[in-house]
Amino acid sequence: MALTRGWQTDLAVLRHLGSLVDHRFDHIIVTSPENTTFHWGNFVLVTDPAAADDTARWVQVFRTEFPNAEHVSIGLPRLPAEGSWDGTGLVIDTDEVLFTETLPEQRPLAEGYTARPIESDSDWVAVVALNVADTARTGAHEPAGYERFLRDQDRSRRRMVAAGVARWFGAFDAGGTLTASLGLAARWAGDQGATAWVIVTELTNPAGRLYRSVGFVPDAVQVTVSHR
């Protein structure tokens, strides 16, 4: 089965981050030796649709490949049969893959904000701090462990930028405080010769409406199984 554009993009970015991608007969093992707490940098990706309901097997494959992991992260090629993952303590999530081959519409920033590349050490420190503050506010992650993951991720991202394969950009308020950041960008990617753009977002994420309004169209549904 051909991988969705979302998984293809994820795997390409992970390789640039230093992850290892090992293709097996009906699945892929992704490992990130420099960031072992990165859930979606250390996971099993099932590639055979006929095997998507082999719950016990895939949990065992994950445990065998990642014996010291405190998480379980498994990507599936389709929605599993109803009830097939019950009793595992894992949650099925679906993301929407959005795609366009046309440069997305460019819109101005809100008044008082500027956008520029993340370049200096202080910029990168601000990116980590912003994400730490966000997870402390939402309670989405355990703070200490998530900060460790972010710092490991920060080192990998800096290497990508230094190698010229990606750029990170930040939005700054009038006082120079970082308020948002993202990796890669439509205009920058186009200037580098990109002819296709991919975004993966939660199906329930309101941001999906924004992405569609600037030219992205639904391309596929991406299925994952993991601990919350």
C-alpha atoms as a PDB file:
ATOM      1  CA  MET A   1       0.000   0.000   0.000  1.00  0.00           C
ATOM      2  CA  ALA A   2       1.276   3.464  -0.866  1.00  0.00           C
ATOM      3  CA  LEU A   3       1.772   5.673   2.172  1.00  0.00           C
ATOM      4  CA  THR A   4      -0.324   8.811   2.467  1.00  0.00           C
ATOM      5  CA  ARG A   5       1.368  12.062   1.548  1.00  0.00           C
ATOM      6  CA  GLY A   6       1.239  12.824   5.253  1.00  0.00           C
ATOM      7  CA  TRP A   7       3.291   9.772   6.236  1.00  0.00           C
ATOM      8  CA  GLN A   8       5.656  10.298   3.307  1.00  0.00           C
ATOM      9  CA  THR A   9       6.276  13.858   4.480  1.00  0.00           C
ATOM     10  CA  ASP A  10       6.644  12.819   8.122  1.00  0.00           C
ATOM     11  CA  LEU A  11       9.223  10.174   7.251  1.00  0.00           C
ATOM     12  CA  ALA A  12      11.189  12.573   5.056  1.00  0.00           C
ATOM     13  CA  VAL A  13      11.317  15.180   7.815  1.00  0.00           C
ATOM     14  CA  LEU A  14      12.229  12.553  10.416  1.00  0.00           C
ATOM     15  CA  ARG A  15      15.190  11.422   8.318  1.00  0.00           C
ATOM     16  CA  HIS A  16      16.425  15.021   8.219  1.00  0.00           C
ATOM     17  CA  LEU A  17      15.998  15.176  12.001  1.00  0.00           C
ATOM     18  CA  GLY A  18      18.330  12.191  12.332  1.00  0.00           C
ATOM     19  CA  SER A  19      15.751   9.430  12.736  1.00  0.00           C
ATOM     20  CA  LEU A  20      16.299   5.952  11.301  1.00  0.00           C
ATOM     21  CA  VAL A  21      13.576   4.513   9.049  1.00  0.00           C
ATOM     22  CA  ASP A  22      13.676   0.723   8.693  1.00  0.00           C
ATOM     23  CA  HIS A  23      11.281  -0.789   6.127  1.00  0.00           C
ATOM     24  CA  ARG A  24      10.073  -4.303   6.994  1.00  0.00           C
ATOM     25  CA  PHE A  25       7.712  -6.666   5.141  1.00  0.00           C
ATOM     26  CA  ASP A  26       4.433  -5.101   6.317  1.00  0.00           C
ATOM     27  CA  HIS A  27       5.547  -2.300   8.604  1.00  0.00           C
ATOM     28  CA  ILE A  28       8.162   0.371   9.211  1.00  0.00           C
ATOM     29  CA  ILE A  29      10.174   0.926  12.389  1.00  0.00           C
ATOM     30  CA  VAL A  30      11.161   4.538  13.068  1.00  0.00           C
ATOM     31  CA  THR A  31      13.739   5.251  15.775  1.00  0.00           C
ATOM     32  CA  SER A  32      15.263   8.517  16.949  1.00  0.00           C
ATOM     33  CA  PRO A  33      18.420   7.641  18.900  1.00  0.00           C
ATOM     34  CA  GLU A  34      19.017  11.245  19.930  1.00  0.00           C
ATOM     35  CA  ASN A  35      15.455  11.813  21.123  1.00  0.00           C
ATOM     36  CA  THR A  36      14.107   8.648  22.734  1.00  0.00           C
ATOM     37  CA  THR A  37      11.141  10.455  24.332  1.00  0.00           C
ATOM     38  CA  PHE A  38       9.869  11.635  20.944  1.00  0.00           C
ATOM     39  CA  HIS A  39       6.672   9.565  20.612  1.00  0.00           C
ATOM     40  CA  TRP A  40       6.309  10.058  16.857  1.00  0.00           C
ATOM     41  CA  GLY A  41      10.025   9.676  16.304  1.00  0.00           C
ATOM     42  CA  ASN A  42      10.001   6.217  17.912  1.00  0.00           C
ATOM     43  CA  PHE A  43       7.059   4.280  16.551  1.00  0.00           C
ATOM     44  CA  VAL A  44       5.736   1.432  14.428  1.00  0.00           C
ATOM     45  CA  LEU A  45       4.001   2.272  11.151  1.00  0.00           C
ATOM     46  CA  VAL A  46       1.834  -0.558   9.801  1.00  0.00           C
ATOM     47  CA  THR A  47       1.802  -0.579   5.995  1.00  0.00           C
ATOM     48  CA  ASP A  48      -0.454  -3.573   5.234  1.00  0.00           C
ATOM     49  CA  PRO A  49      -4.187  -2.710   5.474  1.00  0.00           C
ATOM     50  CA  ALA A  50      -5.029  -6.379   6.040  1.00  0.00           C
ATOM     51  CA  ALA A  51      -2.970  -6.319   9.237  1.00  0.00           C
ATOM     52  CA  ALA A  52      -4.462  -3.184  10.806  1.00  0.00           C
ATOM     53  CA  ASP A  53      -6.572  -5.221  13.259  1.00  0.00           C
ATOM     54  CA  ASP A  54      -3.713  -7.453  14.487  1.00  0.00           C
ATOM     55  CA  THR A  55      -3.749  -5.581  17.770  1.00  0.00           C
ATOM     56  CA  ALA A  56      -1.740  -7.955  19.964  1.00  0.00           C
ATOM     57  CA  ARG A  57       0.923  -8.378  17.292  1.00  0.00           C
ATOM     58  CA  TRP A  58       1.553  -4.673  16.807  1.00  0.00           C
ATOM     59  CA  VAL A  59       1.677  -3.931  20.515  1.00  0.00           C
ATOM     60  CA  GLN A  60       4.200  -6.760  20.870  1.00  0.00           C
ATOM     61  CA  VAL A  61       6.235  -5.462  17.908  1.00  0.00           C
ATOM     62  CA  PHE A  62       6.377  -2.047  19.545  1.00  0.00           C
ATOM     63  CA  ARG A  63       7.394  -3.514  22.932  1.00  0.00           C
ATOM     64  CA  THR A  64      10.099  -5.606  21.289  1.00  0.00           C
ATOM     65  CA  GLU A  65      11.540  -2.713  19.306  1.00  0.00           C
ATOM     66  CA  PHE A  66      11.254  -0.179  22.160  1.00  0.00           C
ATOM     67  CA  PRO A  67      11.613  -2.182  25.385  1.00  0.00           C
ATOM     68  CA  ASN A  68      12.408   0.884  27.507  1.00  0.00           C
ATOM     69  CA  ALA A  69       9.746   3.179  26.081  1.00  0.00           C
ATOM     70  CA  GLU A  70       7.152   4.674  28.414  1.00  0.00           C
ATOM     71  CA  HIS A  71       4.829   5.272  25.478  1.00  0.00           C
ATOM     72  CA  VAL A  72       3.183   3.296  22.679  1.00  0.00           C
ATOM     73  CA  SER A  73       2.831   4.901  19.237  1.00  0.00           C
ATOM     74  CA  ILE A  74       1.551   2.954  16.242  1.00  0.00           C
ATOM     75  CA  GLY A  75       0.474   4.289  12.847  1.00  0.00           C
ATOM     76  CA  LEU A  76      -2.177   2.386  10.901  1.00  0.00           C
ATOM     77  CA  PRO A  77      -2.954   2.290   7.148  1.00  0.00           C
ATOM     78  CA  ARG A  78      -6.730   2.513   7.713  1.00  0.00           C
ATOM     79  CA  LEU A  79      -9.343   2.812  10.424  1.00  0.00           C
ATOM     80  CA  PRO A  80      -9.373  -0.455  12.401  1.00  0.00           C
ATOM     81  CA  ALA A  81     -12.445  -2.616  12.833  1.00  0.00           C
ATOM     82  CA  GLU A  82     -14.723  -1.421  15.611  1.00  0.00           C
ATOM     83  CA  GLY A  83     -13.595  -2.775  18.965  1.00  0.00           C
ATOM     84  CA  SER A  84     -10.372  -4.317  17.671  1.00  0.00           C
ATOM     85  CA  TRP A  85      -8.206  -2.123  19.910  1.00  0.00           C
ATOM     86  CA  ASP A  86     -10.492  -2.242  22.952  1.00  0.00           C
ATOM     87  CA  GLY A  87      -8.814  -3.290  26.176  1.00  0.00           C
ATOM     88  CA  THR A  88      -5.352  -2.113  25.142  1.00  0.00           C
ATOM     89  CA  GLY A  89      -5.492   1.195  26.984  1.00  0.00           C
ATOM     90  CA  LEU A  90      -4.665   2.894  23.689  1.00  0.00           C
ATOM     91  CA  VAL A  91      -6.653   5.571  21.889  1.00  0.00           C
ATOM     92  CA  ILE A  92      -7.364   5.735  18.157  1.00  0.00           C
ATOM     93  CA  ASP A  93      -6.895   9.200  16.642  1.00  0.00           C
ATOM     94  CA  THR A  94      -7.518  10.463  13.131  1.00  0.00           C
ATOM     95  CA  ASP A  95      -5.746  13.344  11.412  1.00  0.00           C
ATOM     96  CA  GLU A  96      -6.572  15.008   8.140  1.00  0.00           C
ATOM     97  CA  VAL A  97      -3.911  15.249   5.458  1.00  0.00           C
ATOM     98  CA  LEU A  98      -4.287  18.465   3.442  1.00  0.00           C
ATOM     99  CA  PHE A  99      -2.484  18.981   0.158  1.00  0.00           C
ATOM    100  CA  THR A 100      -1.999  21.482  -2.639  1.00  0.00           C
ATOM    101  CA  GLU A 101       0.209  21.837  -5.699  1.00  0.00           C
ATOM    102  CA  THR A 102      -0.492  25.565  -5.888  1.00  0.00           C
ATOM    103  CA  LEU A 103       1.328  28.077  -3.702  1.00  0.00           C
ATOM    104  CA  PRO A 104      -1.076  28.718  -0.797  1.00  0.00           C
ATOM    105  CA  GLU A 105      -2.565  32.198  -0.626  1.00  0.00           C
ATOM    106  CA  GLN A 106      -0.326  34.604   1.251  1.00  0.00           C
ATOM    107  CA  ARG A 107      -2.042  36.826   3.825  1.00  0.00           C
ATOM    108  CA  PRO A 108      -0.696  39.734   5.889  1.00  0.00           C
ATOM    109  CA  LEU A 109       0.019  39.393   9.581  1.00  0.00           C
ATOM    110  CA  ALA A 110      -2.229  41.022  12.133  1.00  0.00           C
ATOM    111  CA  GLU A 111      -1.323  44.634  12.892  1.00  0.00           C
ATOM    112  CA  GLY A 112       1.590  44.969  15.292  1.00  0.00           C
ATOM    113  CA  TYR A 113       3.188  41.608  14.433  1.00  0.00           C
ATOM    114  CA  THR A 114       6.204  40.772  12.311  1.00  0.00           C
ATOM    115  CA  ALA A 115       7.501  37.470  10.979  1.00  0.00           C
ATOM    116  CA  ARG A 116      11.118  36.501  10.464  1.00  0.00           C
ATOM    117  CA  PRO A 117      13.352  33.414  10.515  1.00  0.00           C
ATOM    118  CA  ILE A 118      14.357  31.811  13.813  1.00  0.00           C
ATOM    119  CA  GLU A 119      18.132  32.253  13.731  1.00  0.00           C
ATOM    120  CA  SER A 120      19.867  33.311  16.956  1.00  0.00           C
ATOM    121  CA  ASP A 121      20.377  31.225  20.087  1.00  0.00           C
ATOM    122  CA  SER A 122      17.925  33.481  21.906  1.00  0.00           C
ATOM    123  CA  ASP A 123      15.325  32.829  19.184  1.00  0.00           C
ATOM    124  CA  TRP A 124      15.644  29.070  19.606  1.00  0.00           C
ATOM    125  CA  VAL A 125      15.487  29.377  23.392  1.00  0.00           C
ATOM    126  CA  ALA A 126      12.288  31.386  22.973  1.00  0.00           C
ATOM    127  CA  VAL A 127      10.753  28.639  20.791  1.00  0.00           C
ATOM    128  CA  VAL A 128      11.336  26.038  23.507  1.00  0.00           C
ATOM    129  CA  ALA A 129      10.101  28.372  26.235  1.00  0.00           C
ATOM    130  CA  LEU A 130       6.927  29.174  24.314  1.00  0.00           C
ATOM    131  CA  ASN A 131       6.099  25.482  23.902  1.00  0.00           C
ATOM    132  CA  VAL A 132       6.887  24.754  27.549  1.00  0.00           C
ATOM    133  CA  ALA A 133       4.566  27.565  28.630  1.00  0.00           C
ATOM    134  CA  ASP A 134       1.843  26.327  26.298  1.00  0.00           C
ATOM    135  CA  THR A 135       1.883  22.780  27.644  1.00  0.00           C
ATOM    136  CA  ALA A 136       1.910  24.115  31.215  1.00  0.00           C
ATOM    137  CA  ARG A 137      -1.210  26.093  30.368  1.00  0.00           C
ATOM    138  CA  THR A 138      -3.068  23.260  28.652  1.00  0.00           C
ATOM    139  CA  GLY A 139      -1.806  20.334  30.707  1.00  0.00           C
ATOM    140  CA  ALA A 140      -1.386  18.365  27.477  1.00  0.00           C
ATOM    141  CA  HIS A 141       1.978  16.889  28.518  1.00  0.00           C
ATOM    142  CA  GLU A 142       3.982  16.140  31.636  1.00  0.00           C
ATOM    143  CA  PRO A 143       6.076  19.345  31.918  1.00  0.00           C
ATOM    144  CA  ALA A 144       9.538  18.030  32.784  1.00  0.00           C
ATOM    145  CA  GLY A 145       9.505  15.193  30.254  1.00  0.00           C
ATOM    146  CA  TYR A 146       8.066  17.402  27.539  1.00  0.00           C
ATOM    147  CA  GLU A 147      10.722  20.049  28.086  1.00  0.00           C
ATOM    148  CA  ARG A 148      13.419  17.389  27.734  1.00  0.00           C
ATOM    149  CA  PHE A 149      11.835  16.255  24.460  1.00  0.00           C
ATOM    150  CA  LEU A 150      11.686  19.858  23.207  1.00  0.00           C
ATOM    151  CA  ARG A 151      15.350  20.475  23.952  1.00  0.00           C
ATOM    152  CA  ASP A 152      16.353  17.305  22.085  1.00  0.00           C
ATOM    153  CA  GLN A 153      14.095  18.373  19.208  1.00  0.00           C
ATOM    154  CA  ASP A 154      15.655  21.834  19.246  1.00  0.00           C
ATOM    155  CA  ARG A 155      19.119  20.405  18.552  1.00  0.00           C
ATOM    156  CA  SER A 156      17.839  18.355  15.619  1.00  0.00           C
ATOM    157  CA  ARG A 157      15.960  21.287  14.126  1.00  0.00           C
ATOM    158  CA  ARG A 158      19.004  23.521  14.333  1.00  0.00           C
ATOM    159  CA  ARG A 159      20.977  20.943  12.350  1.00  0.00           C
ATOM    160  CA  MET A 160      18.258  20.882   9.678  1.00  0.00           C
ATOM    161  CA  VAL A 161      18.441  24.649   9.351  1.00  0.00           C
ATOM    162  CA  ALA A 162      22.247  24.604   9.235  1.00  0.00           C
ATOM    163  CA  ALA A 163      22.070  21.993   6.453  1.00  0.00           C
ATOM    164  CA  GLY A 164      19.724  24.203   4.435  1.00  0.00           C
ATOM    165  CA  VAL A 165      16.858  21.680   4.252  1.00  0.00           C
ATOM    166  CA  ALA A 166      14.407  23.640   6.389  1.00  0.00           C
ATOM    167  CA  ARG A 167      13.716  27.000   7.975  1.00  0.00           C
ATOM    168  CA  TRP A 168      11.847  27.894  11.120  1.00  0.00           C
ATOM    169  CA  PHE A 169       9.913  31.129  11.340  1.00  0.00           C
ATOM    170  CA  GLY A 170       8.462  33.071  14.240  1.00  0.00           C
ATOM    171  CA  ALA A 171       5.756  35.689  14.677  1.00  0.00           C
ATOM    172  CA  PHE A 172       6.809  38.444  17.070  1.00  0.00           C
ATOM    173  CA  ASP A 173       4.699  41.119  18.736  1.00  0.00           C
ATOM    174  CA  ALA A 174       5.570  44.807  18.850  1.00  0.00           C
ATOM    175  CA  GLY A 175       7.764  44.244  21.895  1.00  0.00           C
ATOM    176  CA  GLY A 176       9.792  41.551  20.156  1.00  0.00           C
ATOM    177  CA  THR A 177       8.267  38.637  22.077  1.00  0.00           C
ATOM    178  CA  LEU A 178       7.812  35.390  20.177  1.00  0.00           C
ATOM    179  CA  THR A 179       4.119  34.484  20.002  1.00  0.00           C
ATOM    180  CA  ALA A 180       4.095  31.591  17.495  1.00  0.00           C
ATOM    181  CA  SER A 181       6.487  29.558  15.361  1.00  0.00           C
ATOM    182  CA  LEU A 182       6.453  26.969  12.610  1.00  0.00           C
ATOM    183  CA  GLY A 183       8.868  24.868  10.632  1.00  0.00           C
ATOM    184  CA  LEU A 184       9.103  25.461   6.885  1.00  0.00           C
ATOM    185  CA  ALA A 185       6.709  27.897   5.213  1.00  0.00           C
ATOM    186  CA  ALA A 186       4.793  28.154   1.945  1.00  0.00           C
ATOM    187  CA  ARG A 187       6.631  31.100   0.395  1.00  0.00           C
ATOM    188  CA  TRP A 188      10.085  29.939   1.535  1.00  0.00           C
ATOM    189  CA  ALA A 189       9.450  26.396   0.305  1.00  0.00           C
ATOM    190  CA  GLY A 190       8.249  27.743  -3.042  1.00  0.00           C
ATOM    191  CA  ASP A 191      11.377  29.818  -3.396  1.00  0.00           C
ATOM    192  CA  GLN A 192      13.416  26.632  -2.847  1.00  0.00           C
ATOM    193  CA  GLY A 193      11.613  24.913  -5.716  1.00  0.00           C
ATOM    194  CA  ALA A 194       8.816  23.093  -3.860  1.00  0.00           C
ATOM    195  CA  THR A 195       5.858  22.172  -6.060  1.00  0.00           C
ATOM    196  CA  ALA A 196       3.631  20.566  -3.419  1.00  0.00           C
ATOM    197  CA  TRP A 197       2.670  21.433   0.143  1.00  0.00           C
ATOM    198  CA  VAL A 198       1.366  19.058   2.827  1.00  0.00           C
ATOM    199  CA  ILE A 199      -0.186  19.784   6.219  1.00  0.00           C
ATOM    200  CA  VAL A 200      -1.398  17.173   8.711  1.00  0.00           C
ATOM    201  CA  THR A 201      -3.875  18.416  11.298  1.00  0.00           C
ATOM    202  CA  GLU A 202      -6.413  16.957  13.703  1.00  0.00           C
ATOM    203  CA  LEU A 203      -9.816  16.487  12.092  1.00  0.00           C
ATOM    204  CA  THR A 204     -11.361  18.585  14.873  1.00  0.00           C
ATOM    205  CA  ASN A 205      -8.739  21.342  14.720  1.00  0.00           C
ATOM    206  CA  PRO A 206     -10.343  24.688  13.709  1.00  0.00           C
ATOM    207  CA  ALA A 207      -7.057  25.562  11.989  1.00  0.00           C
ATOM    208  CA  GLY A 208      -8.063  23.128   9.262  1.00  0.00           C
ATOM    209  CA  ARG A 209     -10.625  25.653   8.044  1.00  0.00           C
ATOM    210  CA  LEU A 210      -7.884  28.261   7.734  1.00  0.00           C
ATOM    211  CA  TYR A 211      -5.646  25.919   5.752  1.00  0.00           C
ATOM    212  CA  ARG A 212      -8.473  25.037   3.381  1.00  0.00           C
ATOM    213  CA  SER A 213      -9.312  28.720   2.911  1.00  0.00           C
ATOM    214  CA  VAL A 214      -5.815  29.428   1.537  1.00  0.00           C
ATOM    215  CA  GLY A 215      -5.876  26.585  -0.971  1.00  0.00           C
ATOM    216  CA  PHE A 216      -5.297  23.259   0.778  1.00  0.00           C
ATOM    217  CA  VAL A 217      -7.715  20.421  -0.007  1.00  0.00           C
ATOM    218  CA  PRO A 218      -8.408  17.178   1.915  1.00  0.00           C
ATOM    219  CA  ASP A 219      -6.221  14.352   0.621  1.00  0.00           C
ATOM    220  CA  ALA A 220      -6.434  11.471   3.131  1.00  0.00           C
ATOM    221  CA  VAL A 221      -7.202  10.477   6.707  1.00  0.00           C
ATOM    222  CA  GLN A 222      -4.229   9.371   8.797  1.00  0.00           C
ATOM    223  CA  VAL A 223      -4.835   6.942  11.669  1.00  0.00           C
ATOM    224  CA  THR A 224      -2.724   6.545  14.808  1.00  0.00           C
ATOM    225  CA  VAL A 225      -2.994   4.543  18.017  1.00  0.00           C
ATOM    226  CA  SER A 226      -1.261   5.758  21.166  1.00  0.00           C
ATOM    227  CA  HIS A 227      -1.485   6.615  24.838  1.00  0.00           C
ATOM    228  CA  ARG A 228      -3.071   9.969  25.560  1.00  0.00           C
END
